[in-house]
Amino acid sequence: MFKVLLVDDEPNVRLGIKMMIPWEDIGCEIIGEAEDGDDGLSKIMLSRPDIVIADIKMPGKTGIEMTEAAKALGFKGKVIILSGYSDFSYAKTAISLGVENFILKPVDEDELTEAIKAAGEKIRNEREKSYQQEIGSEYLYEQQVKGLFAGDGGHIADAVAAGAFSSYCAAVIGFDDESSSDSTEAVRSFFNNMKNVDIVSVDISGVLGLLFKGWDREDVKESLIRLSEALMGRAFIAFGGNASSPAEISRSYNEAKSIYANRFIFRHCGVAAPDLLKSSRVDENIDFASQIYAYMEINDIEKLSRTLDMFMESMQTMDNTPEKAKISCITLVMDIRSKIVRSASDKKPEALISDEFVSRISGMTILKDIIEEIRKCLIGVSDACFSKTTKSNMERVVQYIRANYNHELRLEMLAGIFGYNSAYLGKVFHQYTGENFNNYLDEIRISEAKRLLAEEDYKVYEVAEMVGYSNINYFHNKFKKYVGTSPLSYKKSFGKDE
């Protein structure tokens, strides 16, 4: 509906115009009336009507003077002048001011109706033209920015011609919401009052590309962190390194795009950039499954959790991929499950890691979420299989040795698991058990070897391997030292043949 303001010093004239015109039928509505030129000017600037119908002869300002003053103040609406005077000088002045029509009183209903309809049609055409120009301008602007991201030579030349900046930085923003239109508007609103930030859509899913021109890098970082907070963590933002010329913008953009492509790994960072992502300092040769399982066995949740954090850190590298990271997580879980099955086969099945759990984490889309699910699961398994205990640390050490005597065990290894200096652990262990570590371990192994030789049909070398001795001669010497006879003779004494 077009808004119409009536300005005439005669109330009866205003009433007559209101009554004679089918306003709703021609898409108009009366929004106000003014009784003279001064009142009319005030209401024009206050209510910004689309069409003004004004008498030419009024107290104070005439209709012509009112129109001239309103135009000078930026009024863009259409004006129709009514006059009882036929003097051509009035019409000439009105036309020079852009008045749409000059109608003589008494007003003819059809003539005024047609004049109003013509003014409305003109307004409609101007708005459509303005909209098309705006759309075209936005399209060209987006194409130029996208061209800079792509390294297009023509757009680089245009950017240089338009005035180069001392630095550039590109960023990529993607949203977690299925419908990102509100989030996109929130980003545009956030940067609304900031200069030299171009925002374009770079993906049909709603991903945005940002180009900062002439910004200090720290200011870029701080603004993106504040944006992430304003979006309440619903978006992942990646930005590239600084570029010193339009030709380098594509490098900055590709760096941001590369990080964004790996958002599975870096999503929990909120805002990420190449120089913010530290290269992993974790030793690549660490057997995380063995370390984590060792802490599960002694129910040391703090060290279990810390080792799991190290495992996640080891995967947070730029050369990793979501596929490789997910495979690493599943492999870790399966390795730990195998160790649980071998060492805790007497526990209830529901305490173990289920296939459903493995399938569930394989379908998750953020690395940190997978790690948190694994953390909860392993803590639960540790509590269920190995129970929370108030035992002293030395009791835990002994319990661990008895559970793992058939694996490679060294005092230094136990010191690392339990957080001791190896020399101190050896001393305290001797005080607690009355034996040094090596003798204690040998006694447990030889005791189990005697049981296997007496009760089972394994060969001597098989028993040696089963109790933790990889060298058959070393096992033979140890067995003879503790039992007084060879393993084979001991076996034969129970009627078992080799």
Protein backbone atom coordinates (compact mmCIF):
# COMPACT_ATOMS: atom_id res chain seq x y z
CA MET A 1 0.00 0.00 0.00
CA PHE A 2 1.29 3.46 -0.88
CA LYS A 3 1.16 6.03 1.96
CA VAL A 4 -0.67 9.29 1.12
CA LEU A 5 -0.53 12.62 2.98
CA LEU A 6 -3.22 15.33 2.35
CA VAL A 7 -2.15 18.97 2.78
CA ASP A 8 -4.83 21.67 2.43
CA ASP A 9 -5.92 24.57 4.63
CA GLU A 10 -9.60 23.81 3.97
CA PRO A 11 -10.95 20.86 6.03
CA ASN A 12 -13.88 20.39 3.64
CA VAL A 13 -11.54 19.95 0.70
CA ARG A 14 -9.51 17.35 2.60
CA LEU A 15 -12.69 15.53 3.58
CA GLY A 16 -13.98 15.62 0.00
CA ILE A 17 -10.74 14.12 -1.37
CA LYS A 18 -10.81 11.41 1.30
CA MET A 19 -14.38 10.50 0.38
CA MET A 20 -14.19 10.65 -3.42
CA ILE A 21 -11.17 8.39 -4.07
CA PRO A 22 -11.41 4.54 -3.72
CA TRP A 23 -8.09 4.43 -1.88
CA GLU A 24 -7.95 0.73 -1.10
CA ASP A 25 -8.87 -0.22 -4.67
CA ILE A 26 -5.88 1.69 -6.06
CA GLY A 27 -3.47 0.35 -3.40
CA CYS A 28 -3.24 3.47 -1.22
CA GLU A 29 -4.02 4.55 2.33
CA ILE A 30 -4.33 8.00 3.95
CA ILE A 31 -1.73 8.21 6.74
CA GLY A 32 -2.30 11.82 7.76
CA GLU A 33 -3.50 15.35 7.07
CA ALA A 34 -1.85 18.77 7.38
CA GLU A 35 -3.57 22.15 7.52
CA ASP A 36 -0.87 24.36 6.01
CA GLY A 37 2.54 24.28 4.31
CA ASP A 38 4.59 24.39 7.52
CA ASP A 39 2.54 21.59 9.10
CA GLY A 40 2.77 19.69 5.83
CA LEU A 41 6.60 19.93 5.72
CA SER A 42 6.87 18.69 9.30
CA LYS A 43 4.61 15.68 8.62
CA ILE A 44 6.35 14.87 5.34
CA MET A 45 9.71 14.59 7.10
CA LEU A 46 8.21 12.70 10.04
CA SER A 47 6.04 10.11 8.27
CA ARG A 48 7.83 9.91 4.87
CA PRO A 49 4.71 9.39 2.70
CA ASP A 50 4.98 7.95 -0.80
CA ILE A 51 2.53 10.49 -2.29
CA VAL A 52 1.65 14.03 -1.14
CA ILE A 53 -1.51 15.76 -2.42
CA ALA A 54 -1.19 19.46 -1.59
CA ASP A 55 -3.00 22.74 -2.27
CA ILE A 56 -0.83 25.40 -3.83
CA LYS A 57 -2.24 28.40 -1.93
CA MET A 58 -1.99 27.99 1.87
CA PRO A 59 -1.07 30.14 4.88
CA GLY A 60 2.65 30.14 5.58
CA LYS A 61 4.46 28.10 2.96
CA THR A 62 2.70 27.54 -0.34
CA GLY A 63 2.47 24.04 -1.75
CA ILE A 64 5.37 24.87 -4.10
CA GLU A 65 7.53 26.22 -1.23
CA MET A 66 6.70 23.20 0.93
CA THR A 67 7.68 20.83 -1.90
CA GLU A 68 10.92 22.70 -2.55
CA ALA A 69 11.88 22.55 1.15
CA ALA A 70 11.00 18.85 1.43
CA LYS A 71 13.05 17.97 -1.67
CA ALA A 72 16.00 19.92 -0.28
CA LEU A 73 15.77 17.82 2.91
CA GLY A 74 15.92 14.57 0.91
CA PHE A 75 12.25 13.72 0.38
CA LYS A 76 11.94 11.31 -2.58
CA GLY A 77 8.14 10.88 -2.74
CA LYS A 78 5.74 12.02 -5.44
CA VAL A 79 3.79 15.32 -5.16
CA ILE A 80 0.47 16.20 -6.80
CA ILE A 81 -0.42 19.90 -6.66
CA LEU A 82 -4.04 21.15 -6.54
CA SER A 83 -4.71 24.74 -7.47
CA GLY A 84 -7.52 27.13 -8.14
CA TYR A 85 -5.17 29.16 -10.28
CA SER A 86 -4.57 28.54 -13.96
CA ASP A 87 -1.45 30.69 -14.13
CA PHE A 88 1.13 28.74 -16.14
CA SER A 89 4.00 30.08 -13.97
CA TYR A 90 2.81 27.87 -11.11
CA ALA A 91 2.76 24.79 -13.32
CA LYS A 92 6.19 25.65 -14.69
CA THR A 93 7.66 25.94 -11.18
CA ALA A 94 5.94 22.73 -10.10
CA ILE A 95 7.36 20.80 -13.06
CA SER A 96 10.89 22.09 -12.33
CA LEU A 97 10.58 20.66 -8.79
CA GLY A 98 9.59 17.24 -10.10
CA VAL A 99 5.91 17.54 -9.18
CA GLU A 100 4.02 14.63 -10.75
CA ASN A 101 0.87 16.48 -11.68
CA PHE A 102 -0.75 19.90 -11.56
CA ILE A 103 -4.57 19.62 -11.22
CA LEU A 104 -6.92 22.57 -11.25
CA LYS A 105 -9.76 22.95 -8.80
CA PRO A 106 -12.52 21.99 -8.65
CA VAL A 107 -10.91 18.56 -8.64
CA ASP A 108 -12.24 15.96 -11.02
CA GLU A 109 -12.48 12.56 -9.32
CA ASP A 110 -11.30 10.55 -12.33
CA GLU A 111 -8.45 12.94 -13.11
CA LEU A 112 -7.13 12.79 -9.54
CA THR A 113 -7.56 9.02 -9.36
CA GLU A 114 -5.56 8.57 -12.57
CA ALA A 115 -2.87 10.96 -11.30
CA ILE A 116 -2.53 8.97 -8.06
CA LYS A 117 -2.40 5.65 -9.95
CA ALA A 118 0.25 7.06 -12.32
CA ALA A 119 2.36 8.23 -9.34
CA GLY A 120 2.04 4.79 -7.72
CA GLU A 121 3.11 3.02 -10.92
CA LYS A 122 6.11 5.30 -11.21
CA ILE A 123 7.11 4.54 -7.60
CA ARG A 124 6.73 0.81 -8.28
CA ASN A 125 8.96 0.98 -11.37
CA GLU A 126 11.62 3.01 -9.57
CA ARG A 127 11.70 0.53 -6.68
CA GLU A 128 12.03 -2.43 -9.04
CA LYS A 129 14.85 -0.73 -10.91
CA SER A 130 16.62 0.11 -7.66
CA TYR A 131 16.23 -3.48 -6.43
CA GLN A 132 17.67 -4.87 -9.66
CA GLN A 133 20.60 -2.49 -9.45
CA GLU A 134 21.21 -3.52 -5.84
CA ILE A 135 21.06 -7.22 -6.70
CA GLY A 136 23.38 -6.70 -9.64
CA SER A 137 25.81 -4.73 -7.52
CA GLU A 138 25.81 -7.42 -4.81
CA TYR A 139 26.35 -10.13 -7.42
CA LEU A 140 29.32 -8.30 -8.98
CA TYR A 141 30.77 -7.65 -5.53
CA GLU A 142 30.45 -11.33 -4.56
CA GLN A 143 32.00 -12.43 -7.85
CA GLN A 144 34.97 -10.13 -7.29
CA VAL A 145 35.63 -11.48 -3.78
CA LYS A 146 35.23 -15.08 -4.95
CA GLY A 147 37.62 -14.29 -7.79
CA LEU A 148 40.20 -13.06 -5.29
CA PHE A 149 39.76 -16.27 -3.27
CA ALA A 150 40.31 -18.28 -6.47
CA GLY A 151 43.36 -16.22 -7.50
CA ASP A 152 41.66 -14.86 -10.62
CA GLY A 153 44.00 -12.40 -12.36
CA GLY A 154 41.23 -10.10 -13.61
CA HIS A 155 39.73 -9.62 -10.18
CA ILE A 156 43.20 -9.09 -8.69
CA ALA A 157 43.77 -6.28 -11.19
CA ASP A 158 40.36 -4.77 -10.28
CA ALA A 159 41.24 -4.91 -6.58
CA VAL A 160 44.56 -3.17 -7.17
CA ALA A 161 42.88 -0.49 -9.30
CA ALA A 162 40.31 0.09 -6.56
CA GLY A 163 43.07 0.77 -4.02
CA ALA A 164 45.31 -1.82 -2.41
CA PHE A 165 45.53 -2.41 1.34
CA SER A 166 48.67 -3.20 3.33
CA SER A 167 47.39 -6.64 4.34
CA TYR A 168 44.60 -9.14 3.72
CA CYS A 169 43.31 -12.18 5.57
CA ALA A 170 40.69 -14.73 4.51
CA ALA A 171 38.41 -16.74 6.78
CA VAL A 172 35.80 -19.48 6.36
CA ILE A 173 32.75 -19.92 8.62
CA GLY A 174 30.44 -22.94 8.64
CA PHE A 175 27.43 -23.51 10.87
CA ASP A 176 26.18 -26.56 12.77
CA ASP A 177 22.53 -25.68 12.17
CA GLU A 178 20.75 -27.33 9.26
CA SER A 179 19.27 -23.94 8.41
CA SER A 180 22.04 -21.38 8.50
CA SER A 181 20.14 -18.30 7.26
CA ASP A 182 19.76 -16.85 10.77
CA SER A 183 23.41 -17.53 11.54
CA THR A 184 24.46 -15.91 8.26
CA GLU A 185 22.46 -12.81 9.13
CA ALA A 186 24.05 -12.82 12.61
CA VAL A 187 27.52 -12.76 11.02
CA ARG A 188 26.59 -9.88 8.71
CA SER A 189 25.07 -8.01 11.64
CA PHE A 190 28.20 -8.60 13.78
CA PHE A 191 30.44 -6.94 11.17
CA ASN A 192 27.86 -4.33 10.14
CA ASN A 193 29.68 -1.38 11.71
CA MET A 194 33.20 -2.59 10.93
CA LYS A 195 35.02 -1.32 7.86
CA ASN A 196 36.77 -3.34 5.17
CA VAL A 197 35.20 -6.77 5.79
CA ASP A 198 33.71 -8.48 2.74
CA ILE A 199 31.28 -11.37 3.40
CA VAL A 200 30.22 -13.76 0.64
CA SER A 201 28.59 -17.16 0.38
CA VAL A 202 31.10 -19.74 -0.90
CA ASP A 203 29.03 -22.91 -0.59
CA ILE A 204 25.40 -23.88 -1.16
CA SER A 205 25.30 -25.32 2.37
CA GLY A 206 25.68 -21.81 3.78
CA VAL A 207 29.44 -21.66 4.33
CA LEU A 208 30.68 -18.05 4.31
CA GLY A 209 33.96 -16.60 3.13
CA LEU A 210 35.28 -13.44 4.83
CA LEU A 211 37.95 -11.11 3.49
CA PHE A 212 39.59 -8.71 5.95
CA LYS A 213 41.34 -5.80 4.22
CA GLY A 214 43.95 -3.72 6.03
CA TRP A 215 43.32 -5.45 9.38
CA ASP A 216 46.01 -6.30 11.92
CA ARG A 217 46.18 -10.08 12.38
CA GLU A 218 45.56 -9.89 16.12
CA ASP A 219 42.44 -7.82 15.45
CA VAL A 220 41.24 -10.46 12.98
CA LYS A 221 41.79 -13.19 15.56
CA GLU A 222 40.07 -11.28 18.38
CA SER A 223 37.07 -10.35 16.23
CA LEU A 224 36.59 -13.96 15.10
CA ILE A 225 36.83 -15.22 18.69
CA ARG A 226 34.18 -12.69 19.73
CA LEU A 227 32.04 -13.75 16.76
CA SER A 228 32.36 -17.41 17.83
CA GLU A 229 31.19 -16.45 21.32
CA ALA A 230 28.30 -14.42 19.88
CA LEU A 231 27.23 -17.46 17.84
CA MET A 232 27.38 -19.51 21.08
CA GLY A 233 29.66 -22.18 19.62
CA ARG A 234 27.27 -23.06 16.77
CA ALA A 235 29.93 -22.37 14.14
CA PHE A 236 33.46 -23.42 13.25
CA ILE A 237 35.73 -20.63 12.03
CA ALA A 238 39.05 -21.07 10.25
CA PHE A 239 41.31 -18.29 8.99
CA GLY A 240 44.48 -18.30 6.96
CA GLY A 241 47.75 -16.45 7.20
CA ASN A 242 48.21 -12.79 6.34
CA ALA A 243 48.55 -11.82 2.68
CA SER A 244 50.48 -8.71 1.68
CA SER A 245 48.86 -8.27 -1.75
CA PRO A 246 45.63 -9.21 -3.58
CA ALA A 247 47.56 -11.91 -5.44
CA GLU A 248 48.23 -13.73 -2.13
CA ILE A 249 44.62 -13.69 -0.95
CA SER A 250 43.95 -17.11 -2.53
CA ARG A 251 46.77 -18.62 -0.42
CA SER A 252 45.23 -17.26 2.79
CA TYR A 253 41.81 -18.52 1.69
CA ASN A 254 43.09 -22.00 0.80
CA GLU A 255 44.79 -22.27 4.21
CA ALA A 256 41.48 -21.45 5.92
CA LYS A 257 39.61 -23.81 3.60
CA SER A 258 42.06 -26.65 4.35
CA ILE A 259 41.53 -26.28 8.10
CA TYR A 260 37.77 -26.07 7.62
CA ALA A 261 37.85 -29.30 5.58
CA ASN A 262 39.42 -30.96 8.65
CA ARG A 263 36.84 -29.54 11.08
CA PHE A 264 36.25 -33.13 12.31
CA ILE A 265 39.65 -32.86 13.98
CA PHE A 266 39.70 -29.18 14.96
CA ARG A 267 35.98 -28.44 15.59
CA HIS A 268 36.41 -28.13 19.37
CA CYS A 269 38.85 -25.22 18.85
CA GLY A 270 36.01 -22.91 17.78
CA VAL A 271 38.44 -20.68 15.90
CA ALA A 272 41.49 -22.20 14.21
CA ALA A 273 44.41 -20.98 12.08
CA PRO A 274 47.68 -22.56 10.91
CA ASP A 275 49.77 -20.64 13.44
CA LEU A 276 47.34 -21.45 16.27
CA LEU A 277 47.50 -25.21 15.66
CA LYS A 278 50.61 -26.53 17.35
CA SER A 279 52.40 -29.40 15.70
CA SER A 280 52.01 -32.51 17.82
CA ARG A 281 54.77 -32.99 20.38
CA VAL A 282 53.60 -36.48 21.23
CA ASP A 283 56.00 -39.36 20.55
CA GLU A 284 54.64 -41.26 17.55
CA ASN A 285 55.93 -44.56 18.97
CA ILE A 286 53.79 -44.50 22.12
CA ASP A 287 51.61 -47.58 22.49
CA PHE A 288 48.53 -45.73 23.71
CA ALA A 289 46.37 -48.85 24.00
CA SER A 290 48.86 -50.53 26.36
CA GLN A 291 49.37 -47.40 28.45
CA ILE A 292 45.65 -46.69 28.79
CA TYR A 293 44.87 -50.30 29.62
CA ALA A 294 47.60 -50.30 32.28
CA TYR A 295 45.90 -47.36 33.98
CA MET A 296 42.53 -49.07 33.63
CA GLU A 297 43.90 -52.11 35.44
CA ILE A 298 44.97 -50.07 38.43
CA ASN A 299 41.86 -47.89 38.14
CA ASP A 300 43.92 -44.70 37.88
CA ILE A 301 41.31 -42.52 36.15
CA GLU A 302 43.40 -39.35 36.18
CA LYS A 303 46.29 -40.93 34.25
CA LEU A 304 43.90 -42.79 31.96
CA SER A 305 42.25 -39.49 31.08
CA ARG A 306 45.55 -37.66 30.63
CA THR A 307 46.86 -40.35 28.28
CA LEU A 308 43.66 -40.19 26.26
CA ASP A 309 44.17 -36.41 25.91
CA MET A 310 47.70 -37.10 24.62
CA PHE A 311 46.21 -39.55 22.13
CA MET A 312 43.85 -36.85 20.82
CA GLU A 313 46.70 -34.32 20.66
CA SER A 314 48.75 -36.76 18.57
CA MET A 315 46.03 -36.63 15.90
CA GLN A 316 45.66 -32.84 15.80
CA THR A 317 48.03 -32.23 12.91
CA MET A 318 47.44 -30.51 9.59
CA ASP A 319 48.46 -33.61 7.62
CA ASN A 320 45.89 -35.83 9.35
CA THR A 321 42.49 -36.52 7.81
CA PRO A 322 39.09 -37.25 9.37
CA GLU A 323 39.22 -40.79 7.95
CA LYS A 324 42.63 -41.56 9.42
CA ALA A 325 41.71 -40.01 12.78
CA LYS A 326 38.50 -42.04 13.03
CA ILE A 327 40.36 -45.27 12.16
CA SER A 328 42.93 -44.48 14.89
CA CYS A 329 40.13 -44.07 17.46
CA ILE A 330 38.43 -47.33 16.49
CA THR A 331 41.76 -49.20 16.46
CA LEU A 332 42.56 -47.91 19.96
CA VAL A 333 39.20 -49.08 21.27
CA MET A 334 39.50 -52.51 19.62
CA ASP A 335 43.05 -53.01 20.95
CA ILE A 336 41.91 -52.16 24.49
CA ARG A 337 38.92 -54.47 24.14
CA SER A 338 41.23 -57.32 23.12
CA LYS A 339 43.36 -56.75 26.20
CA ILE A 340 40.26 -56.71 28.42
CA VAL A 341 38.96 -59.96 26.94
CA ARG A 342 42.32 -61.67 27.51
CA SER A 343 42.85 -60.41 31.05
CA ALA A 344 39.30 -60.08 32.37
CA SER A 345 37.39 -62.87 30.64
CA ASP A 346 35.66 -63.73 33.89
CA LYS A 347 33.91 -60.34 34.00
CA LYS A 348 30.34 -59.79 32.87
CA PRO A 349 29.96 -59.13 29.11
CA GLU A 350 28.10 -55.87 29.69
CA ALA A 351 31.21 -54.46 31.35
CA LEU A 352 33.14 -54.82 28.09
CA ILE A 353 33.18 -52.53 25.06
CA SER A 354 30.28 -53.48 22.80
CA ASP A 355 30.12 -53.61 19.02
CA GLU A 356 27.23 -51.14 19.22
CA PHE A 357 29.53 -48.65 20.97
CA VAL A 358 32.21 -49.02 18.28
CA SER A 359 29.58 -48.52 15.58
CA ARG A 360 28.21 -45.44 17.34
CA ILE A 361 31.52 -43.62 17.64
CA SER A 362 32.37 -44.44 14.02
CA GLY A 363 29.33 -42.38 12.99
CA MET A 364 30.23 -39.29 15.04
CA THR A 365 31.38 -36.11 13.28
CA ILE A 366 33.67 -34.40 15.80
CA LEU A 367 36.91 -35.91 17.13
CA LYS A 368 36.56 -34.44 20.61
CA ASP A 369 33.06 -35.93 20.95
CA ILE A 370 34.47 -39.36 20.04
CA ILE A 371 37.28 -38.98 22.60
CA GLU A 372 34.79 -37.99 25.30
CA GLU A 373 32.62 -41.03 24.54
CA ILE A 374 35.71 -43.28 24.68
CA ARG A 375 36.73 -41.65 27.97
CA LYS A 376 33.34 -42.34 29.59
CA CYS A 377 33.31 -45.90 28.28
CA LEU A 378 36.83 -46.79 29.45
CA ILE A 379 36.32 -45.26 32.89
CA GLY A 380 33.14 -47.32 33.20
CA VAL A 381 34.93 -50.50 32.13
CA SER A 382 37.81 -49.77 34.53
CA ASP A 383 35.38 -49.33 37.41
CA ALA A 384 33.40 -52.44 36.45
CA CYS A 385 36.31 -54.79 35.74
CA PHE A 386 38.96 -53.60 38.12
CA SER A 387 36.88 -51.73 40.70
CA LYS A 388 37.65 -48.55 42.53
CA THR A 389 39.88 -49.46 45.41
CA THR A 390 41.29 -47.93 48.55
CA LYS A 391 44.35 -50.19 48.36
CA SER A 392 47.75 -48.65 48.88
CA ASN A 393 49.90 -47.95 45.87
CA MET A 394 52.15 -50.92 46.65
CA GLU A 395 49.13 -53.21 46.72
CA ARG A 396 48.21 -51.85 43.30
CA VAL A 397 51.74 -52.49 42.02
CA VAL A 398 51.59 -56.10 43.26
CA GLN A 399 48.11 -56.53 41.77
CA TYR A 400 49.36 -55.22 38.44
CA ILE A 401 52.37 -57.59 38.43
CA ARG A 402 50.16 -60.58 39.16
CA ALA A 403 47.81 -59.61 36.32
CA ASN A 404 50.61 -58.98 33.80
CA TYR A 405 53.45 -61.33 34.77
CA ASN A 406 53.21 -63.03 31.33
CA HIS A 407 54.09 -59.77 29.54
CA GLU A 408 57.35 -57.89 29.42
CA LEU A 409 57.68 -56.18 32.80
CA ARG A 410 60.49 -53.96 33.99
CA LEU A 411 60.80 -51.86 37.10
CA GLU A 412 61.23 -48.73 34.94
CA MET A 413 57.96 -49.55 33.18
CA LEU A 414 56.08 -49.87 36.46
CA ALA A 415 57.65 -46.64 37.72
CA GLY A 416 56.24 -44.82 34.68
CA ILE A 417 52.76 -46.31 35.14
CA PHE A 418 52.54 -45.54 38.84
CA GLY A 419 54.40 -42.21 38.76
CA TYR A 420 57.51 -43.15 40.75
CA ASN A 421 61.23 -42.78 40.34
CA SER A 422 62.41 -46.32 39.46
CA ALA A 423 65.07 -46.44 42.20
CA TYR A 424 62.59 -45.27 44.82
CA LEU A 425 59.98 -47.78 43.63
CA GLY A 426 62.51 -50.62 43.88
CA LYS A 427 63.34 -49.67 47.46
CA VAL A 428 59.71 -49.30 48.59
CA PHE A 429 58.72 -52.50 46.78
CA HIS A 430 61.42 -54.47 48.61
CA GLN A 431 60.26 -53.05 51.93
CA TYR A 432 56.65 -54.01 51.17
CA THR A 433 57.18 -57.55 49.78
CA GLY A 434 60.51 -58.54 51.32
CA GLU A 435 61.75 -59.32 47.79
CA ASN A 436 63.38 -57.30 45.09
CA PHE A 437 61.29 -56.79 41.97
CA ASN A 438 63.04 -59.31 39.69
CA ASN A 439 62.93 -62.13 42.26
CA TYR A 440 59.27 -61.45 42.99
CA LEU A 441 58.40 -61.55 39.29
CA ASP A 442 60.43 -64.75 38.75
CA GLU A 443 58.67 -66.49 41.63
CA ILE A 444 55.23 -65.68 40.21
CA ARG A 445 56.27 -66.86 36.74
CA ILE A 446 57.91 -70.07 37.94
CA SER A 447 54.90 -70.86 40.15
CA GLU A 448 52.59 -70.59 37.15
CA ALA A 449 55.04 -72.58 35.00
CA LYS A 450 54.95 -75.44 37.54
CA ARG A 451 51.16 -75.51 37.37
CA LEU A 452 51.11 -75.59 33.58
CA LEU A 453 53.76 -78.33 33.39
CA ALA A 454 51.97 -80.48 35.97
CA GLU A 455 48.36 -79.98 34.80
CA GLU A 456 48.50 -79.24 31.08
CA ASP A 457 50.02 -80.82 27.96
CA TYR A 458 52.08 -77.85 26.77
CA LYS A 459 55.65 -78.27 25.62
CA VAL A 460 58.39 -76.67 27.75
CA TYR A 461 59.10 -73.85 25.24
CA GLU A 462 55.36 -73.09 25.07
CA VAL A 463 55.15 -72.81 28.86
CA ALA A 464 58.19 -70.53 28.85
CA GLU A 465 56.48 -68.14 26.45
CA MET A 466 53.17 -68.35 28.32
CA VAL A 467 54.71 -67.18 31.60
CA GLY A 468 56.75 -64.35 30.06
CA TYR A 469 60.17 -65.84 29.16
CA SER A 470 61.09 -65.35 25.50
CA ASN A 471 64.43 -67.20 25.86
CA ILE A 472 64.10 -70.96 26.55
CA ASN A 473 67.59 -71.27 28.07
CA TYR A 474 66.95 -68.37 30.43
CA PHE A 475 63.69 -70.03 31.50
CA HIS A 476 65.51 -73.36 32.04
CA ASN A 477 68.09 -71.72 34.32
CA LYS A 478 65.50 -69.79 36.32
CA PHE A 479 63.28 -72.89 36.75
CA LYS A 480 66.20 -75.00 37.96
CA LYS A 481 67.26 -72.23 40.36
CA TYR A 482 63.84 -72.04 42.04
CA VAL A 483 62.65 -75.67 41.73
CA GLY A 484 65.94 -77.59 41.86
CA THR A 485 65.29 -79.56 38.70
CA SER A 486 64.81 -78.91 35.01
CA PRO A 487 61.39 -78.08 33.55
CA LEU A 488 61.37 -81.32 31.54
CA SER A 489 62.23 -83.48 34.57
CA TYR A 490 59.55 -81.71 36.57
CA LYS A 491 57.00 -82.41 33.86
CA LYS A 492 57.96 -86.08 33.62
CA SER A 493 57.54 -86.47 37.37
CA PHE A 494 53.84 -85.99 36.79
CA GLY A 495 53.74 -88.58 34.06
CA LYS A 496 53.70 -86.02 31.28
CA ASP A 497 55.78 -86.65 28.16
CA GLU A 498 57.35 -83.85 26.13
